[in-house]
């Protein structure tokens, strides 16, 4: 089972792609830090200073300015995340995030999918705020 989230951002695909893969930029909207530039075949450590947490992602595929695929989690929690960038003639870009690997059933499935969707919507909102307005919205969500 998968979860899909999408948002238009009023920036070229190149700017959005670089915001994800450049360690100097990702801390402006998502994680506190990234251990390296995202490149196909690399394992990158992402850190959340606010929660004293970190995790590794394994970059599966990169199509510059178009697509990023990575895996995160282990065992039954291993998920494939695809970030797709589709530019439009108006100069804005559709950013789509699909996460695959959720169980097909279970009593925790709905809360898990809703929480996951909430996380992706929040990340995309922070990305939009950063790229369109220079706003730092990350780490402001209260749970």
C-alpha atoms as a PDB file:
ATOM      1  CA  UNK A   1       0.000   0.000   0.000  1.00  0.00           C
ATOM      2  CA  UNK A   2       1.218   3.522  -0.641  1.00  0.00           C
ATOM      3  CA  UNK A   3       0.550   7.092   0.418  1.00  0.00           C
ATOM      4  CA  UNK A   4       0.608  10.006  -2.055  1.00  0.00           C
ATOM      5  CA  UNK A   5       0.907  13.754  -1.408  1.00  0.00           C
ATOM      6  CA  UNK A   6       1.300  16.598  -3.942  1.00  0.00           C
ATOM      7  CA  UNK A   7       1.717  20.373  -3.900  1.00  0.00           C
ATOM      8  CA  UNK A   8       2.520  23.102  -6.423  1.00  0.00           C
ATOM      9  CA  UNK A   9       5.537  25.239  -5.616  1.00  0.00           C
ATOM     10  CA  UNK A  10       6.156  28.456  -7.507  1.00  0.00           C
ATOM     11  CA  UNK A  11       9.767  27.726  -8.366  1.00  0.00           C
ATOM     12  CA  UNK A  12      11.624  25.919 -11.155  1.00  0.00           C
ATOM     13  CA  UNK A  13      12.226  22.195 -10.715  1.00  0.00           C
ATOM     14  CA  UNK A  14      15.981  22.873 -10.476  1.00  0.00           C
ATOM     15  CA  UNK A  15      15.561  24.935  -7.293  1.00  0.00           C
ATOM     16  CA  UNK A  16      13.354  22.285  -5.701  1.00  0.00           C
ATOM     17  CA  UNK A  17      15.686  19.435  -6.644  1.00  0.00           C
ATOM     18  CA  UNK A  18      18.677  21.284  -5.160  1.00  0.00           C
ATOM     19  CA  UNK A  19      16.758  21.990  -1.937  1.00  0.00           C
ATOM     20  CA  UNK A  20      16.515  18.232  -1.367  1.00  0.00           C
ATOM     21  CA  UNK A  21      19.953  17.051  -2.479  1.00  0.00           C
ATOM     22  CA  UNK A  22      22.145  19.910  -1.196  1.00  0.00           C
ATOM     23  CA  UNK A  23      23.089  19.426   2.489  1.00  0.00           C
ATOM     24  CA  UNK A  24      23.315  23.217   2.944  1.00  0.00           C
ATOM     25  CA  UNK A  25      19.650  23.635   1.914  1.00  0.00           C
ATOM     26  CA  UNK A  26      17.730  20.699   3.405  1.00  0.00           C
ATOM     27  CA  UNK A  27      18.067  22.185   6.903  1.00  0.00           C
ATOM     28  CA  UNK A  28      16.003  25.162   5.765  1.00  0.00           C
ATOM     29  CA  UNK A  29      12.797  23.136   5.398  1.00  0.00           C
ATOM     30  CA  UNK A  30      13.014  19.471   6.462  1.00  0.00           C
ATOM     31  CA  UNK A  31      15.767  17.784   8.480  1.00  0.00           C
ATOM     32  CA  UNK A  32      18.300  19.687  10.584  1.00  0.00           C
ATOM     33  CA  UNK A  33      21.124  18.270   8.499  1.00  0.00           C
ATOM     34  CA  UNK A  34      22.154  15.822   5.815  1.00  0.00           C
ATOM     35  CA  UNK A  35      25.540  14.083   5.964  1.00  0.00           C
ATOM     36  CA  UNK A  36      26.219  14.346   2.224  1.00  0.00           C
ATOM     37  CA  UNK A  37      24.859  15.419  -1.127  1.00  0.00           C
ATOM     38  CA  UNK A  38      22.219  12.975  -2.316  1.00  0.00           C
ATOM     39  CA  UNK A  39      23.581  10.856  -5.160  1.00  0.00           C
ATOM     40  CA  UNK A  40      22.454   7.547  -6.594  1.00  0.00           C
ATOM     41  CA  UNK A  41      23.892   4.607  -4.669  1.00  0.00           C
ATOM     42  CA  UNK A  42      24.817   6.650  -1.566  1.00  0.00           C
ATOM     43  CA  UNK A  43      23.624   6.154   1.983  1.00  0.00           C
ATOM     44  CA  UNK A  44      22.977   9.516   3.627  1.00  0.00           C
ATOM     45  CA  UNK A  45      22.342  10.187   7.315  1.00  0.00           C
ATOM     46  CA  UNK A  46      19.563  12.672   8.060  1.00  0.00           C
ATOM     47  CA  UNK A  47      19.404  14.285  11.497  1.00  0.00           C
ATOM     48  CA  UNK A  48      16.623  15.964  13.486  1.00  0.00           C
ATOM     49  CA  UNK A  49      18.375  17.954  16.225  1.00  0.00           C
ATOM     50  CA  UNK A  50      15.047  18.906  17.822  1.00  0.00           C
ATOM     51  CA  UNK A  51      14.204  15.264  18.524  1.00  0.00           C
ATOM     52  CA  UNK A  52      17.778  13.997  18.994  1.00  0.00           C
ATOM     53  CA  UNK A  53      17.087  11.526  16.210  1.00  0.00           C
ATOM     54  CA  UNK A  54      18.740  10.450  13.001  1.00  0.00           C
ATOM     55  CA  UNK A  55      18.258   7.847  10.320  1.00  0.00           C
ATOM     56  CA  UNK A  56      19.807   6.671   7.109  1.00  0.00           C
ATOM     57  CA  UNK A  57      18.302   6.825   3.653  1.00  0.00           C
ATOM     58  CA  UNK A  58      19.582   4.756   0.756  1.00  0.00           C
ATOM     59  CA  UNK A  59      19.409   6.680  -2.517  1.00  0.00           C
ATOM     60  CA  UNK A  60      18.049   4.319  -5.166  1.00  0.00           C
ATOM     61  CA  UNK A  61      17.666   6.574  -8.190  1.00  0.00           C
ATOM     62  CA  UNK A  62      18.311  10.185  -9.142  1.00  0.00           C
ATOM     63  CA  UNK A  63      17.063  11.914 -12.274  1.00  0.00           C
ATOM     64  CA  UNK A  64      18.396  15.448 -11.994  1.00  0.00           C
ATOM     65  CA  UNK A  65      15.592  18.015 -11.657  1.00  0.00           C
ATOM     66  CA  UNK A  66      12.949  15.290 -12.134  1.00  0.00           C
ATOM     67  CA  UNK A  67      12.969  12.437  -9.626  1.00  0.00           C
ATOM     68  CA  UNK A  68      14.508  11.192  -6.397  1.00  0.00           C
ATOM     69  CA  UNK A  69      13.933   7.687  -5.045  1.00  0.00           C
ATOM     70  CA  UNK A  70      15.186   6.524  -1.671  1.00  0.00           C
ATOM     71  CA  UNK A  71      14.543   3.810   0.873  1.00  0.00           C
ATOM     72  CA  UNK A  72      14.342   4.338   4.594  1.00  0.00           C
ATOM     73  CA  UNK A  73      13.551   2.078   7.515  1.00  0.00           C
ATOM     74  CA  UNK A  74      14.491  -1.531   8.134  1.00  0.00           C
ATOM     75  CA  UNK A  75      12.721  -4.875   7.804  1.00  0.00           C
ATOM     76  CA  UNK A  76       8.938  -4.486   7.784  1.00  0.00           C
ATOM     77  CA  UNK A  77       9.387  -0.721   8.214  1.00  0.00           C
ATOM     78  CA  UNK A  78      11.405  -0.422   4.969  1.00  0.00           C
ATOM     79  CA  UNK A  79       9.652   2.041   2.645  1.00  0.00           C
ATOM     80  CA  UNK A  80      10.382   3.379  -0.827  1.00  0.00           C
ATOM     81  CA  UNK A  81       9.898   7.143  -1.196  1.00  0.00           C
ATOM     82  CA  UNK A  82       9.638   8.752  -4.631  1.00  0.00           C
ATOM     83  CA  UNK A  83       9.780  12.524  -5.033  1.00  0.00           C
ATOM     84  CA  UNK A  84       8.708  13.572  -8.535  1.00  0.00           C
ATOM     85  CA  UNK A  85       9.067  17.074  -9.983  1.00  0.00           C
ATOM     86  CA  UNK A  86       6.858  18.085 -12.908  1.00  0.00           C
ATOM     87  CA  UNK A  87       7.411  21.629 -14.241  1.00  0.00           C
ATOM     88  CA  UNK A  88       4.557  23.572 -15.805  1.00  0.00           C
ATOM     89  CA  UNK A  89       4.552  26.292 -18.452  1.00  0.00           C
ATOM     90  CA  UNK A  90       3.621  28.838 -15.782  1.00  0.00           C
ATOM     91  CA  UNK A  91       6.960  28.402 -13.971  1.00  0.00           C
ATOM     92  CA  UNK A  92       5.590  26.458 -11.043  1.00  0.00           C
ATOM     93  CA  UNK A  93       6.433  22.823 -10.328  1.00  0.00           C
ATOM     94  CA  UNK A  94       4.220  20.015  -9.106  1.00  0.00           C
ATOM     95  CA  UNK A  95       6.041  18.171  -6.320  1.00  0.00           C
ATOM     96  CA  UNK A  96       4.650  14.698  -5.658  1.00  0.00           C
ATOM     97  CA  UNK A  97       5.729  12.400  -2.852  1.00  0.00           C
ATOM     98  CA  UNK A  98       4.740   8.748  -2.861  1.00  0.00           C
ATOM     99  CA  UNK A  99       5.732   6.420  -0.046  1.00  0.00           C
ATOM    100  CA  UNK A 100       5.295   2.676  -0.571  1.00  0.00           C
ATOM    101  CA  UNK A 101       5.652  -0.240   1.794  1.00  0.00           C
ATOM    102  CA  UNK A 102       2.763   0.069   4.231  1.00  0.00           C
ATOM    103  CA  UNK A 103       1.001  -3.116   5.333  1.00  0.00           C
ATOM    104  CA  UNK A 104      -2.233  -3.957   3.539  1.00  0.00           C
ATOM    105  CA  UNK A 105      -4.210  -4.258   6.767  1.00  0.00           C
ATOM    106  CA  UNK A 106      -4.024  -3.932  10.525  1.00  0.00           C
ATOM    107  CA  UNK A 107      -5.607  -1.937  13.314  1.00  0.00           C
ATOM    108  CA  UNK A 108      -2.853   0.689  13.171  1.00  0.00           C
ATOM    109  CA  UNK A 109      -3.009   1.152   9.378  1.00  0.00           C
ATOM    110  CA  UNK A 110      -5.322   4.187   9.216  1.00  0.00           C
ATOM    111  CA  UNK A 111      -3.542   6.178  11.956  1.00  0.00           C
ATOM    112  CA  UNK A 112      -0.201   5.261  10.338  1.00  0.00           C
ATOM    113  CA  UNK A 113      -1.315   6.475   6.894  1.00  0.00           C
ATOM    114  CA  UNK A 114      -2.856   9.672   8.296  1.00  0.00           C
ATOM    115  CA  UNK A 115       0.295  10.446  10.303  1.00  0.00           C
ATOM    116  CA  UNK A 116       2.475   9.758   7.291  1.00  0.00           C
ATOM    117  CA  UNK A 117       0.353  12.011   5.077  1.00  0.00           C
ATOM    118  CA  UNK A 118       0.489  14.738   7.720  1.00  0.00           C
ATOM    119  CA  UNK A 119       4.295  14.544   7.710  1.00  0.00           C
ATOM    120  CA  UNK A 120       4.589  14.868   3.935  1.00  0.00           C
ATOM    121  CA  UNK A 121       2.079  17.747   3.784  1.00  0.00           C
ATOM    122  CA  UNK A 122       4.033  19.537   6.499  1.00  0.00           C
ATOM    123  CA  UNK A 123       7.378  18.969   4.755  1.00  0.00           C
ATOM    124  CA  UNK A 124       5.981  20.274   1.441  1.00  0.00           C
ATOM    125  CA  UNK A 125       4.478  23.298   3.209  1.00  0.00           C
ATOM    126  CA  UNK A 126       7.870  24.070   4.766  1.00  0.00           C
ATOM    127  CA  UNK A 127       9.548  23.619   1.354  1.00  0.00           C
ATOM    128  CA  UNK A 128       7.038  26.017  -0.230  1.00  0.00           C
ATOM    129  CA  UNK A 129       7.551  28.590   2.533  1.00  0.00           C
ATOM    130  CA  UNK A 130      11.332  28.362   2.216  1.00  0.00           C
ATOM    131  CA  UNK A 131      11.549  28.517  -1.586  1.00  0.00           C
ATOM    132  CA  UNK A 132       8.789  31.049  -2.225  1.00  0.00           C
ATOM    133  CA  UNK A 133       9.158  33.361   0.774  1.00  0.00           C
ATOM    134  CA  UNK A 134      12.429  32.536   2.544  1.00  0.00           C
ATOM    135  CA  UNK A 135      10.418  31.479   5.611  1.00  0.00           C
ATOM    136  CA  UNK A 136      11.778  28.954   8.100  1.00  0.00           C
ATOM    137  CA  UNK A 137       8.777  26.834   9.111  1.00  0.00           C
ATOM    138  CA  UNK A 138      10.587  23.599   9.931  1.00  0.00           C
ATOM    139  CA  UNK A 139      10.388  22.112  13.435  1.00  0.00           C
ATOM    140  CA  UNK A 140       7.318  24.219  14.249  1.00  0.00           C
ATOM    141  CA  UNK A 141       4.700  21.435  14.114  1.00  0.00           C
ATOM    142  CA  UNK A 142       3.390  20.437  17.547  1.00  0.00           C
ATOM    143  CA  UNK A 143       2.282  16.860  17.955  1.00  0.00           C
END
